[in-house]
Amino acid sequence: MKQLLVRTLMGILAIAGILWAADWLVWQGRSLAGKGDGTVTVGHFVVAPLKGGKEEYYPDGQLQVRCTRSLLPEGFPQAGAKPCWWLERNPVVFER
């Protein structure tokens, strides 16, 4: 039973490593072609803490946010930017 668990875990780690490497290679190819990054317009809100653990939200207009045309979210190859598909589905940024 223990051996099966170890093999399953190793398989999952191998698949995750292959997925990350493939995503990185595709992103690098797009970056070299000038299409690795994009921008998405998002709504920007400033959050102010109030007494009693409450918060008040102040709209602060819209921002152009840099994003990457990759599958995986922020990390080493994408220099900390979120993927464009994530920002397009979550177009609001809260600044606390």
PDB file of N, CA and C in Angstrom:
ATOM      1  N   MET A   1       0.827  -1.189   0.000  1.00  0.00           N
ATOM      2  CA  MET A   1       0.000   0.000   0.000  1.00  0.00           C
ATOM      3  C   MET A   1       0.872   1.254   0.000  1.00  0.00           C
ATOM      4  N   LYS A   2       1.932   1.243   0.828  1.00  0.00           N
ATOM      5  CA  LYS A   2       2.823   2.393   0.906  1.00  0.00           C
ATOM      6  C   LYS A   2       3.543   2.627  -0.425  1.00  0.00           C
ATOM      7  N   GLN A   3       3.924   1.537  -1.074  1.00  0.00           N
ATOM      8  CA  GLN A   3       4.612   1.645  -2.357  1.00  0.00           C
ATOM      9  C   GLN A   3       3.687   2.234  -3.427  1.00  0.00           C
ATOM     10  N   LEU A   4       2.428   1.884  -3.420  1.00  0.00           N
ATOM     11  CA  LEU A   4       1.458   2.428  -4.365  1.00  0.00           C
ATOM     12  C   LEU A   4       1.271   3.920  -4.140  1.00  0.00           C
ATOM     13  N   LEU A   5       1.217   4.333  -2.890  1.00  0.00           N
ATOM     14  CA  LEU A   5       1.071   5.751  -2.561  1.00  0.00           C
ATOM     15  C   LEU A   5       2.283   6.555  -3.039  1.00  0.00           C
ATOM     16  N   VAL A   6       3.479   6.012  -2.835  1.00  0.00           N
ATOM     17  CA  VAL A   6       4.701   6.688  -3.268  1.00  0.00           C
ATOM     18  C   VAL A   6       4.731   6.806  -4.795  1.00  0.00           C
ATOM     19  N   ARG A   7       4.380   5.747  -5.495  1.00  0.00           N
ATOM     20  CA  ARG A   7       4.365   5.782  -6.970  1.00  0.00           C
ATOM     21  C   ARG A   7       3.327   6.784  -7.487  1.00  0.00           C
ATOM     22  N   THR A   8       2.173   6.821  -6.847  1.00  0.00           N
ATOM     23  CA  THR A   8       1.133   7.775  -7.257  1.00  0.00           C
ATOM     24  C   THR A   8       1.614   9.204  -7.048  1.00  0.00           C
ATOM     25  N   LEU A   9       2.212   9.466  -5.907  1.00  0.00           N
ATOM     26  CA  LEU A   9       2.735  10.795  -5.623  1.00  0.00           C
ATOM     27  C   LEU A   9       3.832  11.183  -6.614  1.00  0.00           C
ATOM     28  N   MET A  10       4.718  10.288  -6.926  1.00  0.00           N
ATOM     29  CA  MET A  10       5.778  10.557  -7.905  1.00  0.00           C
ATOM     30  C   MET A  10       5.189  10.824  -9.292  1.00  0.00           C
ATOM     31  N   GLY A  11       4.153  10.098  -9.654  1.00  0.00           N
ATOM     32  CA  GLY A  11       3.493  10.329 -10.939  1.00  0.00           C
ATOM     33  C   GLY A  11       2.844  11.700 -11.005  1.00  0.00           C
ATOM     34  N   ILE A  12       2.189  12.100  -9.933  1.00  0.00           N
ATOM     35  CA  ILE A  12       1.550  13.422  -9.885  1.00  0.00           C
ATOM     36  C   ILE A  12       2.602  14.524  -9.985  1.00  0.00           C
ATOM     37  N   LEU A  13       3.718  14.372  -9.270  1.00  0.00           N
ATOM     38  CA  LEU A  13       4.796  15.359  -9.336  1.00  0.00           C
ATOM     39  C   LEU A  13       5.412  15.417 -10.729  1.00  0.00           C
ATOM     40  N   ALA A  14       5.563  14.265 -11.381  1.00  0.00           N
ATOM     41  CA  ALA A  14       6.121  14.240 -12.736  1.00  0.00           C
ATOM     42  C   ALA A  14       5.188  14.949 -13.718  1.00  0.00           C
ATOM     43  N   ILE A  15       3.894  14.694 -13.615  1.00  0.00           N
ATOM     44  CA  ILE A  15       2.928  15.346 -14.499  1.00  0.00           C
ATOM     45  C   ILE A  15       2.912  16.857 -14.262  1.00  0.00           C
ATOM     46  N   ALA A  16       2.972  17.279 -13.000  1.00  0.00           N
ATOM     47  CA  ALA A  16       3.000  18.709 -12.685  1.00  0.00           C
ATOM     48  C   ALA A  16       4.257  19.360 -13.250  1.00  0.00           C
ATOM     49  N   GLY A  17       5.392  18.692 -13.154  1.00  0.00           N
ATOM     50  CA  GLY A  17       6.640  19.227 -13.703  1.00  0.00           C
ATOM     51  C   GLY A  17       6.592  19.344 -15.220  1.00  0.00           C
ATOM     52  N   ILE A  18       6.033  18.353 -15.873  1.00  0.00           N
ATOM     53  CA  ILE A  18       5.905  18.387 -17.338  1.00  0.00           C
ATOM     54  C   ILE A  18       4.959  19.499 -17.755  1.00  0.00           C
ATOM     55  N   LEU A  19       3.853  19.663 -17.048  1.00  0.00           N
ATOM     56  CA  LEU A  19       2.893  20.734 -17.353  1.00  0.00           C
ATOM     57  C   LEU A  19       3.545  22.102 -17.185  1.00  0.00           C
ATOM     58  N   TRP A  20       4.290  22.302 -16.090  1.00  0.00           N
ATOM     59  CA  TRP A  20       4.958  23.581 -15.860  1.00  0.00           C
ATOM     60  C   TRP A  20       5.982  23.861 -16.954  1.00  0.00           C
ATOM     61  N   ALA A  21       6.780  22.849 -17.308  1.00  0.00           N
ATOM     62  CA  ALA A  21       7.808  23.026 -18.337  1.00  0.00           C
ATOM     63  C   ALA A  21       7.177  23.339 -19.695  1.00  0.00           C
ATOM     64  N   ALA A  22       6.089  22.646 -20.031  1.00  0.00           N
ATOM     65  CA  ALA A  22       5.412  22.909 -21.308  1.00  0.00           C
ATOM     66  C   ALA A  22       4.834  24.312 -21.336  1.00  0.00           C
ATOM     67  N   ASP A  23       4.226  24.741 -20.236  1.00  0.00           N
ATOM     68  CA  ASP A  23       3.674  26.093 -20.158  1.00  0.00           C
ATOM     69  C   ASP A  23       4.779  27.126 -20.297  1.00  0.00           C
ATOM     70  N   TRP A  24       5.903  26.898 -19.655  1.00  0.00           N
ATOM     71  CA  TRP A  24       7.026  27.811 -19.740  1.00  0.00           C
ATOM     72  C   TRP A  24       7.568  27.900 -21.162  1.00  0.00           C
ATOM     73  N   LEU A  25       7.703  26.749 -21.829  1.00  0.00           N
ATOM     74  CA  LEU A  25       8.214  26.747 -23.201  1.00  0.00           C
ATOM     75  C   LEU A  25       7.278  27.476 -24.153  1.00  0.00           C
ATOM     76  N   VAL A  26       5.988  27.258 -24.027  1.00  0.00           N
ATOM     77  CA  VAL A  26       5.019  27.948 -24.879  1.00  0.00           C
ATOM     78  C   VAL A  26       5.067  29.444 -24.605  1.00  0.00           C
ATOM     79  N   TRP A  27       5.133  29.832 -23.329  1.00  0.00           N
ATOM     80  CA  TRP A  27       5.197  31.254 -22.978  1.00  0.00           C
ATOM     81  C   TRP A  27       6.474  31.892 -23.508  1.00  0.00           C
ATOM     82  N   GLN A  28       7.603  31.177 -23.404  1.00  0.00           N
ATOM     83  CA  GLN A  28       8.863  31.699 -23.937  1.00  0.00           C
ATOM     84  C   GLN A  28       8.763  31.906 -25.444  1.00  0.00           C
ATOM     85  N   GLY A  29       8.180  30.961 -26.151  1.00  0.00           N
ATOM     86  CA  GLY A  29       8.004  31.100 -27.595  1.00  0.00           C
ATOM     87  C   GLY A  29       7.146  32.306 -27.938  1.00  0.00           C
ATOM     88  N   ARG A  30       6.068  32.484 -27.209  1.00  0.00           N
ATOM     89  CA  ARG A  30       5.206  33.647 -27.444  1.00  0.00           C
ATOM     90  C   ARG A  30       5.935  34.944 -27.110  1.00  0.00           C
ATOM     91  N   SER A  31       6.734  34.947 -26.044  1.00  0.00           N
ATOM     92  CA  SER A  31       7.475  36.148 -25.666  1.00  0.00           C
ATOM     93  C   SER A  31       8.485  36.531 -26.734  1.00  0.00           C
ATOM     94  N   LEU A  32       9.167  35.545 -27.295  1.00  0.00           N
ATOM     95  CA  LEU A  32      10.130  35.825 -28.357  1.00  0.00           C
ATOM     96  C   LEU A  32       9.447  36.375 -29.602  1.00  0.00           C
ATOM     97  N   ALA A  33       8.195  35.971 -29.822  1.00  0.00           N
ATOM     98  CA  ALA A  33       7.431  36.477 -30.966  1.00  0.00           C
ATOM     99  C   ALA A  33       6.735  37.799 -30.649  1.00  0.00           C
ATOM    100  N   GLY A  34       6.865  38.270 -29.407  1.00  0.00           N
ATOM    101  CA  GLY A  34       6.252  39.533 -29.008  1.00  0.00           C
ATOM    102  C   GLY A  34       4.810  39.413 -28.572  1.00  0.00           C
ATOM    103  N   LYS A  35       4.337  38.209 -28.330  1.00  0.00           N
ATOM    104  CA  LYS A  35       2.944  38.003 -27.945  1.00  0.00           C
ATOM    105  C   LYS A  35       2.798  37.287 -26.608  1.00  0.00           C
ATOM    106  N   GLY A  36       3.820  37.349 -25.763  1.00  0.00           N
ATOM    107  CA  GLY A  36       3.786  36.643 -24.481  1.00  0.00           C
ATOM    108  C   GLY A  36       3.048  37.400 -23.393  1.00  0.00           C
ATOM    109  N   ASP A  37       2.955  38.713 -23.546  1.00  0.00           N
ATOM    110  CA  ASP A  37       2.290  39.545 -22.546  1.00  0.00           C
ATOM    111  C   ASP A  37       1.099  40.254 -23.166  1.00  0.00           C
ATOM    112  N   GLY A  38       0.197  40.678 -22.299  1.00  0.00           N
ATOM    113  CA  GLY A  38      -0.961  41.440 -22.745  1.00  0.00           C
ATOM    114  C   GLY A  38      -1.381  42.398 -21.649  1.00  0.00           C
ATOM    115  N   THR A  39      -2.459  43.115 -21.883  1.00  0.00           N
ATOM    116  CA  THR A  39      -3.018  43.986 -20.858  1.00  0.00           C
ATOM    117  C   THR A  39      -4.517  43.774 -20.788  1.00  0.00           C
ATOM    118  N   VAL A  40      -5.051  43.909 -19.602  1.00  0.00           N
ATOM    119  CA  VAL A  40      -6.479  43.752 -19.366  1.00  0.00           C
ATOM    120  C   VAL A  40      -6.943  44.953 -18.542  1.00  0.00           C
ATOM    121  N   THR A  41      -8.090  45.519 -18.899  1.00  0.00           N
ATOM    122  CA  THR A  41      -8.651  46.617 -18.137  1.00  0.00           C
ATOM    123  C   THR A  41      -9.455  46.049 -16.971  1.00  0.00           C
ATOM    124  N   VAL A  42      -9.110  46.484 -15.767  1.00  0.00           N
ATOM    125  CA  VAL A  42      -9.784  46.003 -14.562  1.00  0.00           C
ATOM    126  C   VAL A  42     -10.277  47.185 -13.744  1.00  0.00           C
ATOM    127  N   GLY A  43     -11.341  46.959 -12.982  1.00  0.00           N
ATOM    128  CA  GLY A  43     -11.834  47.969 -12.053  1.00  0.00           C
ATOM    129  C   GLY A  43     -10.970  47.973 -10.809  1.00  0.00           C
ATOM    130  N   HIS A  44     -10.662  49.158 -10.288  1.00  0.00           N
ATOM    131  CA  HIS A  44      -9.785  49.283  -9.129  1.00  0.00           C
ATOM    132  C   HIS A  44     -10.572  49.864  -7.961  1.00  0.00           C
ATOM    133  N   PHE A  45     -10.517  49.200  -6.817  1.00  0.00           N
ATOM    134  CA  PHE A  45     -11.194  49.660  -5.605  1.00  0.00           C
ATOM    135  C   PHE A  45     -10.184  49.741  -4.472  1.00  0.00           C
ATOM    136  N   VAL A  46     -10.270  50.807  -3.686  1.00  0.00           N
ATOM    137  CA  VAL A  46      -9.452  50.946  -2.487  1.00  0.00           C
ATOM    138  C   VAL A  46     -10.320  50.551  -1.301  1.00  0.00           C
ATOM    139  N   VAL A  47      -9.806  49.679  -0.453  1.00  0.00           N
ATOM    140  CA  VAL A  47     -10.549  49.178   0.704  1.00  0.00           C
ATOM    141  C   VAL A  47     -10.009  49.850   1.959  1.00  0.00           C
ATOM    142  N   ALA A  48     -10.908  50.510   2.704  1.00  0.00           N
ATOM    143  CA  ALA A  48     -10.523  51.186   3.946  1.00  0.00           C
ATOM    144  C   ALA A  48     -11.112  50.428   5.130  1.00  0.00           C
ATOM    145  N   PRO A  49     -10.269  50.068   6.102  1.00  0.00           N
ATOM    146  CA  PRO A  49     -10.786  49.372   7.288  1.00  0.00           C
ATOM    147  C   PRO A  49     -11.546  50.342   8.203  1.00  0.00           C
ATOM    148  N   LEU A  50     -12.635  49.852   8.778  1.00  0.00           N
ATOM    149  CA  LEU A  50     -13.435  50.635   9.717  1.00  0.00           C
ATOM    150  C   LEU A  50     -13.458  49.927  11.069  1.00  0.00           C
ATOM    151  N   LYS A  51     -14.070  50.548  12.022  1.00  0.00           N
ATOM    152  CA  LYS A  51     -14.197  49.941  13.345  1.00  0.00           C
ATOM    153  C   LYS A  51     -15.073  48.696  13.271  1.00  0.00           C
ATOM    154  N   GLY A  52     -14.842  47.787  14.183  1.00  0.00           N
ATOM    155  CA  GLY A  52     -15.668  46.586  14.262  1.00  0.00           C
ATOM    156  C   GLY A  52     -15.363  45.565  13.172  1.00  0.00           C
ATOM    157  N   GLY A  53     -14.205  45.674  12.526  1.00  0.00           N
ATOM    158  CA  GLY A  53     -13.838  44.707  11.495  1.00  0.00           C
ATOM    159  C   GLY A  53     -14.552  44.922  10.176  1.00  0.00           C
ATOM    160  N   LYS A  54     -15.208  46.049   9.996  1.00  0.00           N
ATOM    161  CA  LYS A  54     -15.916  46.336   8.752  1.00  0.00           C
ATOM    162  C   LYS A  54     -14.970  47.013   7.764  1.00  0.00           C
ATOM    163  N   GLU A  55     -15.385  47.020   6.504  1.00  0.00           N
ATOM    164  CA  GLU A  55     -14.594  47.639   5.453  1.00  0.00           C
ATOM    165  C   GLU A  55     -15.477  48.520   4.588  1.00  0.00           C
ATOM    166  N   GLU A  56     -14.869  49.560   4.031  1.00  0.00           N
ATOM    167  CA  GLU A  56     -15.583  50.421   3.099  1.00  0.00           C
ATOM    168  C   GLU A  56     -14.797  50.433   1.790  1.00  0.00           C
ATOM    169  N   TYR A  57     -15.520  50.333   0.671  1.00  0.00           N
ATOM    170  CA  TYR A  57     -14.905  50.227  -0.643  1.00  0.00           C
ATOM    171  C   TYR A  57     -15.089  51.532  -1.408  1.00  0.00           C
ATOM    172  N   TYR A  58     -13.977  52.066  -1.932  1.00  0.00           N
ATOM    173  CA  TYR A  58     -14.007  53.295  -2.715  1.00  0.00           C
ATOM    174  C   TYR A  58     -13.567  52.981  -4.143  1.00  0.00           C
ATOM    175  N   PRO A  59     -14.437  53.222  -5.129  1.00  0.00           N
ATOM    176  CA  PRO A  59     -14.024  52.980  -6.510  1.00  0.00           C
ATOM    177  C   PRO A  59     -12.950  53.980  -6.922  1.00  0.00           C
ATOM    178  N   ASP A  60     -11.955  53.495  -7.641  1.00  0.00           N
ATOM    179  CA  ASP A  60     -10.827  54.335  -8.039  1.00  0.00           C
ATOM    180  C   ASP A  60     -10.595  54.268  -9.544  1.00  0.00           C
ATOM    181  N   GLY A  61     -11.653  54.040 -10.310  1.00  0.00           N
ATOM    182  CA  GLY A  61     -11.530  54.014 -11.764  1.00  0.00           C
ATOM    183  C   GLY A  61     -11.076  52.668 -12.292  1.00  0.00           C
ATOM    184  N   GLN A  62     -10.512  52.717 -13.487  1.00  0.00           N
ATOM    185  CA  GLN A  62     -10.061  51.496 -14.141  1.00  0.00           C
ATOM    186  C   GLN A  62      -8.565  51.576 -14.400  1.00  0.00           C
ATOM    187  N   LEU A  63      -7.926  50.428 -14.397  1.00  0.00           N
ATOM    188  CA  LEU A  63      -6.484  50.326 -14.630  1.00  0.00           C
ATOM    189  C   LEU A  63      -6.202  49.353 -15.759  1.00  0.00           C
ATOM    190  N   GLN A  64      -5.103  49.595 -16.450  1.00  0.00           N
ATOM    191  CA  GLN A  64      -4.581  48.628 -17.405  1.00  0.00           C
ATOM    192  C   GLN A  64      -3.559  47.778 -16.652  1.00  0.00           C
ATOM    193  N   VAL A  65      -3.807  46.483 -16.536  1.00  0.00           N
ATOM    194  CA  VAL A  65      -2.925  45.594 -15.780  1.00  0.00           C
ATOM    195  C   VAL A  65      -2.202  44.673 -16.754  1.00  0.00           C
ATOM    196  N   ARG A  66      -0.874  44.535 -16.557  1.00  0.00           N
ATOM    197  CA  ARG A  66      -0.074  43.636 -17.377  1.00  0.00           C
ATOM    198  C   ARG A  66      -0.400  42.195 -17.000  1.00  0.00           C
ATOM    199  N   CYS A  67      -0.505  41.353 -18.012  1.00  0.00           N
ATOM    200  CA  CYS A  67      -0.783  39.937 -17.775  1.00  0.00           C
ATOM    201  C   CYS A  67       0.024  39.103 -18.753  1.00  0.00           C
ATOM    202  N   THR A  68       0.097  37.813 -18.493  1.00  0.00           N
ATOM    203  CA  THR A  68       0.841  36.910 -19.369  1.00  0.00           C
ATOM    204  C   THR A  68      -0.119  35.978 -20.078  1.00  0.00           C
ATOM    205  N   ARG A  69       0.227  35.627 -21.280  1.00  0.00           N
ATOM    206  CA  ARG A  69      -0.564  34.673 -22.045  1.00  0.00           C
ATOM    207  C   ARG A  69      -0.013  33.270 -21.752  1.00  0.00           C
ATOM    208  N   SER A  70      -0.306  32.803 -20.535  1.00  0.00           N
ATOM    209  CA  SER A  70       0.168  31.491 -20.098  1.00  0.00           C
ATOM    210  C   SER A  70      -0.949  30.787 -19.340  1.00  0.00           C
ATOM    211  N   LEU A  71      -0.749  29.531 -19.089  1.00  0.00           N
ATOM    212  CA  LEU A  71      -1.748  28.731 -18.392  1.00  0.00           C
ATOM    213  C   LEU A  71      -1.643  28.885 -16.879  1.00  0.00           C
ATOM    214  N   LEU A  72      -0.429  28.852 -16.367  1.00  0.00           N
ATOM    215  CA  LEU A  72      -0.226  28.864 -14.921  1.00  0.00           C
ATOM    216  C   LEU A  72      -0.115  30.281 -14.377  1.00  0.00           C
ATOM    217  N   PRO A  73      -0.572  30.505 -13.153  1.00  0.00           N
ATOM    218  CA  PRO A  73      -0.507  31.843 -12.558  1.00  0.00           C
ATOM    219  C   PRO A  73       0.903  32.211 -12.131  1.00  0.00           C
ATOM    220  N   GLU A  74       0.996  33.425 -11.587  1.00  0.00           N
ATOM    221  CA  GLU A  74       2.247  34.039 -11.204  1.00  0.00           C
ATOM    222  C   GLU A  74       3.317  33.056 -10.748  1.00  0.00           C
ATOM    223  N   GLY A  75       4.506  33.339 -11.165  1.00  0.00           N
ATOM    224  CA  GLY A  75       5.620  32.482 -10.811  1.00  0.00           C
ATOM    225  C   GLY A  75       6.892  32.976 -11.454  1.00  0.00           C
ATOM    226  N   PHE A  76       7.928  32.194 -11.367  1.00  0.00           N
ATOM    227  CA  PHE A  76       9.239  32.601 -11.863  1.00  0.00           C
ATOM    228  C   PHE A  76       9.234  32.979 -13.345  1.00  0.00           C
ATOM    229  N   PRO A  77       8.734  32.141 -14.225  1.00  0.00           N
ATOM    230  CA  PRO A  77       8.891  32.503 -15.637  1.00  0.00           C
ATOM    231  C   PRO A  77       8.068  33.720 -16.048  1.00  0.00           C
ATOM    232  N   GLN A  78       6.941  33.954 -15.412  1.00  0.00           N
ATOM    233  CA  GLN A  78       6.077  35.047 -15.822  1.00  0.00           C
ATOM    234  C   GLN A  78       6.346  36.335 -15.050  1.00  0.00           C
ATOM    235  N   ALA A  79       7.383  36.385 -14.281  1.00  0.00           N
ATOM    236  CA  ALA A  79       7.800  37.583 -13.538  1.00  0.00           C
ATOM    237  C   ALA A  79       6.697  38.121 -12.633  1.00  0.00           C
ATOM    238  N   GLY A  80       5.901  37.249 -12.050  1.00  0.00           N
ATOM    239  CA  GLY A  80       4.919  37.677 -11.057  1.00  0.00           C
ATOM    240  C   GLY A  80       3.595  38.166 -11.605  1.00  0.00           C
ATOM    241  N   ALA A  81       3.402  38.175 -12.897  1.00  0.00           N
ATOM    242  CA  ALA A  81       2.140  38.649 -13.466  1.00  0.00           C
ATOM    243  C   ALA A  81       1.112  37.516 -13.490  1.00  0.00           C
ATOM    244  N   LYS A  82      -0.151  37.893 -13.411  1.00  0.00           N
ATOM    245  CA  LYS A  82      -1.219  36.901 -13.477  1.00  0.00           C
ATOM    246  C   LYS A  82      -1.537  36.602 -14.938  1.00  0.00           C
ATOM    247  N   PRO A  83      -2.071  35.414 -15.221  1.00  0.00           N
ATOM    248  CA  PRO A  83      -2.438  35.094 -16.599  1.00  0.00           C
ATOM    249  C   PRO A  83      -3.632  35.933 -17.056  1.00  0.00           C
ATOM    250  N   CYS A  84      -3.658  36.234 -18.348  1.00  0.00           N
ATOM    251  CA  CYS A  84      -4.738  37.059 -18.901  1.00  0.00           C
ATOM    252  C   CYS A  84      -6.098  36.393 -18.711  1.00  0.00           C
ATOM    253  N   TRP A  85      -6.162  35.066 -18.838  1.00  0.00           N
ATOM    254  CA  TRP A  85      -7.460  34.395 -18.702  1.00  0.00           C
ATOM    255  C   TRP A  85      -8.014  34.599 -17.296  1.00  0.00           C
ATOM    256  N   TRP A  86      -7.166  34.697 -16.283  1.00  0.00           N
ATOM    257  CA  TRP A  86      -7.613  34.901 -14.907  1.00  0.00           C
ATOM    258  C   TRP A  86      -8.158  36.316 -14.723  1.00  0.00           C
ATOM    259  N   LEU A  87      -7.430  37.305 -15.238  1.00  0.00           N
ATOM    260  CA  LEU A  87      -7.869  38.691 -15.093  1.00  0.00           C
ATOM    261  C   LEU A  87      -9.136  38.979 -15.898  1.00  0.00           C
ATOM    262  N   GLU A  88      -9.305  38.313 -17.036  1.00  0.00           N
ATOM    263  CA  GLU A  88     -10.527  38.509 -17.828  1.00  0.00           C
ATOM    264  C   GLU A  88     -11.747  37.950 -17.099  1.00  0.00           C
ATOM    265  N   ARG A  89     -11.571  36.919 -16.302  1.00  0.00           N
ATOM    266  CA  ARG A  89     -12.681  36.334 -15.548  1.00  0.00           C
ATOM    267  C   ARG A  89     -12.880  37.005 -14.188  1.00  0.00           C
ATOM    268  N   ASN A  90     -11.849  37.689 -13.681  1.00  0.00           N
ATOM    269  CA  ASN A  90     -11.908  38.392 -12.391  1.00  0.00           C
ATOM    270  C   ASN A  90     -11.449  39.837 -12.606  1.00  0.00           C
ATOM    271  N   PRO A  91     -12.288  40.671 -13.216  1.00  0.00           N
ATOM    272  CA  PRO A  91     -11.835  42.007 -13.632  1.00  0.00           C
ATOM    273  C   PRO A  91     -11.891  43.088 -12.558  1.00  0.00           C
ATOM    274  N   VAL A  92     -11.774  42.727 -11.291  1.00  0.00           N
ATOM    275  CA  VAL A  92     -11.795  43.724 -10.223  1.00  0.00           C
ATOM    276  C   VAL A  92     -10.555  43.502  -9.335  1.00  0.00           C
ATOM    277  N   VAL A  93      -9.844  44.593  -9.032  1.00  0.00           N
ATOM    278  CA  VAL A  93      -8.658  44.532  -8.176  1.00  0.00           C
ATOM    279  C   VAL A  93      -8.944  45.353  -6.928  1.00  0.00           C
ATOM    280  N   PHE A  94      -8.723  44.755  -5.765  1.00  0.00           N
ATOM    281  CA  PHE A  94      -8.924  45.438  -4.492  1.00  0.00           C
ATOM    282  C   PHE A  94      -7.563  45.735  -3.886  1.00  0.00           C
ATOM    283  N   GLU A  95      -7.352  47.001  -3.513  1.00  0.00           N
ATOM    284  CA  GLU A  95      -6.107  47.403  -2.864  1.00  0.00           C
ATOM    285  C   GLU A  95      -6.402  47.672  -1.392  1.00  0.00           C
ATOM    286  N   ARG A  96      -5.783  46.917  -0.533  1.00  0.00           N
ATOM    287  CA  ARG A  96      -6.015  47.060   0.904  1.00  0.00           C
ATOM    288  C   ARG A  96      -4.919  47.852   1.554  1.00  0.00           C
TER     289      ARG A  96
END
